[in-house]
Structure formats: structure tokens, C-alpha cells
């Protein structure tokens, strides 16, 4: 799964990578956690737009979003069959940019956190799905979940899941293509190259948020 990530890429570089007319507006964070507001790219008519959504998807049909189960991740293999995700997967897809993410490797004496970063391009493009929820008072919540899949080597040695990473030439299909073409990308082996290294256990505390979290341990 993907339960923590970080984003410190310059807004102008993100706008260039994701081919948007405007720069994203967000606060740099080295420890993004569930329920945080996160920037995503999504379709708006014929163009792409930036939006800040709550990480943890709440279905539009939830009666009470306060007590609703929020899903930060959705399994790529089963999302199309799950009532919680299938509508969003068909009609409301987005890209979640990340400078890198964290994963914990289990071993006999505990767990070691690793940072996984792209070597090319400047940021990961995680496949995401989003929802629009309106409560009884008319208050709107837009939320997002990140799709996950079986990891490629060598990431499989760290954890048994990883975020679905979109290749640059697949952005348009994911955001605006038909549902069948988009879902085929969930089975595609990504061409994104990665680098992984152990980091401090301090990342396990969401109150810690500084560049030191992404320094090799």
C-alpha cells in the first residue's frame, strides 16, 4: 500500500511535466498522511486542472462522511468491481504527483522505512480516482484514493504493494480516455525507473515534517 508520501517538486516543474496551463498551489510536505489536502491533476473540459483534494476517498453515496470509511488506496485488480470505487474509476480519474513515497520493510527485528523516488521524470504520477460528496447541509468534500498494484523488482523486496505509476505518454489516456483503455494501464508494467533507500524512523510520526526525513539513514 501507499500510506505516506512527500512532495517538494517545484510547481513550475510539475506544470511542465503534467502539461497544465497553471502551476499547482500547495504546501511542500515531507510527510503527507491520510486526510491531508493533496494536489491532483484532473480533466476539466478539454483541459487539465489542478485541484486540492482530501486523501481518503469518501463515496458520493455515503450518508455521513464523518463516520464513513475513507480509503486511501484502491487495489487495481478489483477496483472495477467494488461499489466504492467502480464509478470513480470509470468517470473520475486523476493523477496524484509525488516526489517520492515511503514504505516499510518488515524483518525479524521490526520494520525499516524506505523512501522510493523516481530517477526520471522529476515526479511520480500515481493513478488516482476521486469523488464528490455533498452532505445534508450542502457542504462539499472532494476526496481521492491512490490505486495500488503488485510491485516490480526491486521494490517487491520492500513491500508487496506499490502505487500504480503512470508513464508520461499515458497521462492523456488515464485522464480522458475511455474506461477500457484507462483500465488497461493498470496492468501495464511502468517504465518509470526508481531508487530506494532506508530513511529515519522519524517518518513514522506524522508530526515530523522536514527535509531530514528524506535523507538516507
Protein backbone atom coordinates (compact mmCIF):
# COMPACT_ATOMS: atom_id res chain seq x y z
CA UNK A 1 0.00 0.00 0.00
CA UNK A 2 0.94 3.65 -0.11
CA UNK A 3 0.28 5.31 3.23
CA UNK A 4 2.78 8.17 3.23
CA UNK A 5 4.45 10.21 0.53
CA UNK A 6 6.16 13.56 0.02
CA UNK A 7 6.02 16.40 -2.46
CA UNK A 8 8.68 19.09 -2.75
CA UNK A 9 8.97 19.40 -6.55
CA UNK A 10 8.86 22.98 -7.83
CA UNK A 11 5.36 23.96 -9.04
CA UNK A 12 6.68 25.09 -12.42
CA UNK A 13 8.29 21.69 -12.99
CA UNK A 14 5.04 19.94 -12.10
CA UNK A 15 3.12 22.17 -14.51
CA UNK A 16 5.60 21.30 -17.24
CA UNK A 17 5.54 17.56 -16.56
CA UNK A 18 1.76 17.35 -16.44
CA UNK A 19 1.18 19.87 -19.23
CA UNK A 20 -1.11 22.23 -17.31
CA UNK A 21 -1.59 25.92 -18.06
CA UNK A 22 -1.36 26.91 -14.39
CA UNK A 23 1.03 25.96 -11.60
CA UNK A 24 -0.29 23.94 -8.66
CA UNK A 25 -0.71 25.76 -5.37
CA UNK A 26 0.30 23.56 -2.45
CA UNK A 27 2.39 23.46 0.70
CA UNK A 28 5.60 21.45 0.49
CA UNK A 29 5.35 18.42 2.76
CA UNK A 30 7.79 15.64 3.56
CA UNK A 31 5.23 13.52 5.39
CA UNK A 32 1.88 13.60 3.60
CA UNK A 33 -0.59 11.44 5.51
CA UNK A 34 -4.21 10.32 5.11
CA UNK A 35 -6.82 13.13 5.43
CA UNK A 36 -4.27 15.75 4.27
CA UNK A 37 -5.20 18.02 1.38
CA UNK A 38 -3.17 16.97 -1.66
CA UNK A 39 -2.81 18.39 -5.21
CA UNK A 40 -4.05 16.30 -8.11
CA UNK A 41 -4.36 16.74 -11.88
CA UNK A 42 -7.76 16.03 -13.45
CA UNK A 43 -9.69 16.80 -16.60
CA UNK A 44 -11.78 19.95 -16.83
CA UNK A 45 -13.46 20.01 -20.21
CA UNK A 46 -10.77 19.75 -22.86
CA UNK A 47 -8.00 20.89 -20.49
CA UNK A 48 -6.33 19.69 -17.32
CA UNK A 49 -6.67 21.47 -13.99
CA UNK A 50 -5.10 21.32 -10.57
CA UNK A 51 -7.32 20.61 -7.58
CA UNK A 52 -6.61 20.04 -3.90
CA UNK A 53 -8.48 17.02 -2.56
CA UNK A 54 -8.65 15.21 0.76
CA UNK A 55 -6.61 12.00 0.74
CA UNK A 56 -9.03 9.25 1.68
CA UNK A 57 -11.89 8.59 -0.71
CA UNK A 58 -15.48 9.03 0.54
CA UNK A 59 -18.11 7.72 -1.92
CA UNK A 60 -20.73 10.18 -3.11
CA UNK A 61 -23.47 7.93 -1.74
CA UNK A 62 -22.15 7.85 1.85
CA UNK A 63 -24.82 9.06 4.25
CA UNK A 64 -22.39 10.54 6.75
CA UNK A 65 -18.84 11.32 5.71
CA UNK A 66 -17.78 11.75 9.34
CA UNK A 67 -18.41 8.06 10.07
CA UNK A 68 -17.76 6.82 6.51
CA UNK A 69 -14.82 4.53 5.89
CA UNK A 70 -12.19 6.51 3.95
CA UNK A 71 -10.00 4.53 1.60
CA UNK A 72 -6.58 6.00 0.86
CA UNK A 73 -5.81 3.17 -1.58
CA UNK A 74 -7.76 1.02 -4.04
CA UNK A 75 -6.48 -2.28 -5.39
CA UNK A 76 -6.09 -2.02 -9.16
CA UNK A 77 -7.08 -5.66 -9.61
CA UNK A 78 -10.53 -5.28 -8.01
CA UNK A 79 -11.44 -1.57 -8.14
CA UNK A 80 -13.73 -2.00 -11.17
CA UNK A 81 -15.86 -4.49 -9.20
CA UNK A 82 -16.02 -2.65 -5.88
CA UNK A 83 -19.08 -0.38 -5.37
CA UNK A 84 -16.87 2.08 -3.50
CA UNK A 85 -14.51 2.59 -6.46
CA UNK A 86 -16.08 1.49 -9.73
CA UNK A 87 -17.93 4.74 -10.50
CA UNK A 88 -14.86 6.84 -9.83
CA UNK A 89 -12.65 4.50 -11.85
CA UNK A 90 -14.99 4.82 -14.82
CA UNK A 91 -15.71 8.55 -14.71
CA UNK A 92 -13.43 10.38 -12.24
CA UNK A 93 -9.77 9.56 -12.73
CA UNK A 94 -6.90 11.83 -11.72
CA UNK A 95 -3.13 11.87 -11.29
CA UNK A 96 -1.52 12.30 -7.89
CA UNK A 97 2.01 13.75 -8.25
CA UNK A 98 4.62 12.68 -5.71
CA UNK A 99 8.31 13.48 -5.36
CA UNK A 100 8.57 10.11 -3.64
CA UNK A 101 6.82 7.83 -1.20
CA UNK A 102 7.61 5.78 1.89
CA UNK A 103 7.23 2.09 2.50
CA UNK A 104 8.13 -0.08 5.47
CA UNK A 105 10.10 -3.30 5.01
CA UNK A 106 9.35 -5.96 7.61
CA UNK A 107 12.16 -8.02 9.11
CA UNK A 108 12.79 -10.13 12.19
CA UNK A 109 13.60 -7.19 14.47
CA UNK A 110 10.88 -4.80 13.28
CA UNK A 111 10.36 -2.53 10.28
CA UNK A 112 12.68 -0.27 8.31
CA UNK A 113 11.23 2.73 6.44
CA UNK A 114 12.39 3.29 2.88
CA UNK A 115 11.98 6.28 0.60
CA UNK A 116 11.28 5.43 -3.03
CA UNK A 117 11.97 8.20 -5.55
CA UNK A 118 11.90 8.45 -9.36
CA UNK A 119 15.13 8.88 -11.26
CA UNK A 120 13.18 10.07 -14.33
CA UNK A 121 10.95 12.14 -14.64
CA UNK A 122 11.01 14.67 -11.79
CA UNK A 123 7.90 13.30 -10.03
CA UNK A 124 5.87 10.13 -9.87
CA UNK A 125 2.44 10.19 -11.48
CA UNK A 126 0.26 7.94 -9.31
CA UNK A 127 -3.02 6.77 -10.81
CA UNK A 128 -5.82 8.16 -8.68
CA UNK A 129 -9.61 8.22 -8.54
CA UNK A 130 -11.70 10.95 -6.96
CA UNK A 131 -15.19 11.50 -5.58
CA UNK A 132 -17.54 14.43 -4.98
CA UNK A 133 -19.60 14.18 -1.78
CA UNK A 134 -22.29 16.62 -0.61
CA UNK A 135 -23.63 16.26 2.92
CA UNK A 136 -27.11 17.13 4.20
CA UNK A 137 -26.06 20.72 4.90
CA UNK A 138 -24.71 21.20 1.37
CA UNK A 139 -21.05 21.06 2.38
CA UNK A 140 -18.89 19.64 -0.42
CA UNK A 141 -15.98 17.25 0.06
CA UNK A 142 -13.78 16.12 -2.82
CA UNK A 143 -11.55 13.19 -1.96
CA UNK A 144 -9.05 10.91 -3.65
CA UNK A 145 -7.62 7.38 -3.43
CA UNK A 146 -4.40 6.06 -4.98
CA UNK A 147 -4.53 2.82 -6.96
CA UNK A 148 -2.02 0.13 -6.00
CA UNK A 149 -0.69 -2.97 -7.74
CA UNK A 150 1.81 -5.81 -7.42
CA UNK A 151 5.29 -4.26 -7.20
CA UNK A 152 8.01 -4.57 -9.78
CA UNK A 153 11.57 -5.56 -8.93
CA UNK A 154 13.40 -4.46 -6.88
CA UNK A 155 10.51 -2.81 -4.98
CA UNK A 156 9.00 -6.23 -4.27
CA UNK A 157 11.80 -6.80 -1.77
CA UNK A 158 10.49 -3.89 0.30
CA UNK A 159 6.71 -4.36 0.20
CA UNK A 160 4.09 -6.47 -1.55
CA UNK A 161 2.20 -3.46 -2.98
CA UNK A 162 3.15 -0.26 -4.77
CA UNK A 163 1.27 2.70 -6.27
CA UNK A 164 0.28 2.41 -9.93
CA UNK A 165 2.85 4.63 -11.70
CA UNK A 166 1.78 6.14 -15.00
CA UNK A 167 4.22 6.68 -17.85
CA UNK A 168 4.36 10.19 -19.31
CA UNK A 169 2.79 9.17 -22.61
CA UNK A 170 -0.17 7.58 -20.79
CA UNK A 171 -1.36 10.67 -18.91
CA UNK A 172 -3.96 11.63 -21.52
CA UNK A 173 -5.40 8.13 -21.69
CA UNK A 174 -5.74 7.90 -17.92
CA UNK A 175 -7.32 11.32 -17.55
CA UNK A 176 -9.53 11.48 -20.61
CA UNK A 177 -9.57 8.14 -22.39
CA UNK A 178 -12.41 5.64 -22.37
CA UNK A 179 -12.79 3.38 -19.35
CA UNK A 180 -11.50 0.24 -21.08
CA UNK A 181 -8.30 1.90 -22.32
CA UNK A 182 -7.68 3.52 -18.95
CA UNK A 183 -8.10 0.26 -17.05
CA UNK A 184 -5.61 -1.47 -19.33
CA UNK A 185 -2.97 0.90 -17.94
CA UNK A 186 -3.48 -0.69 -14.53
CA UNK A 187 -1.96 -3.91 -15.90
CA UNK A 188 0.91 -2.23 -17.69
CA UNK A 189 4.45 -2.59 -16.33
CA UNK A 190 5.57 1.00 -15.72
CA UNK A 191 8.62 2.35 -17.47
CA UNK A 192 9.42 4.65 -14.54
CA UNK A 193 12.83 3.98 -13.02
CA UNK A 194 13.13 4.20 -9.25
CA UNK A 195 15.68 4.38 -6.47
CA UNK A 196 15.05 3.20 -2.90
CA UNK A 197 17.00 3.90 0.28
CA UNK A 198 16.45 3.49 4.02
CA UNK A 199 15.44 6.60 5.98
CA UNK A 200 14.96 7.59 9.62
CA UNK A 201 12.23 6.03 11.76
CA UNK A 202 11.12 9.61 12.44
CA UNK A 203 8.94 9.41 9.33
CA UNK A 204 6.60 7.14 11.26
CA UNK A 205 5.35 10.11 13.30
CA UNK A 206 3.08 12.37 11.21
CA UNK A 207 4.10 15.36 13.35
CA UNK A 208 7.61 15.14 11.90
CA UNK A 209 7.83 17.05 8.64
CA UNK A 210 11.20 18.28 7.45
CA UNK A 211 13.71 17.61 4.63
CA UNK A 212 15.67 15.41 7.05
CA UNK A 213 13.03 12.71 6.58
CA UNK A 214 14.22 12.02 3.04
CA UNK A 215 17.92 11.85 3.91
CA UNK A 216 19.45 8.33 3.66
CA UNK A 217 19.74 6.71 7.08
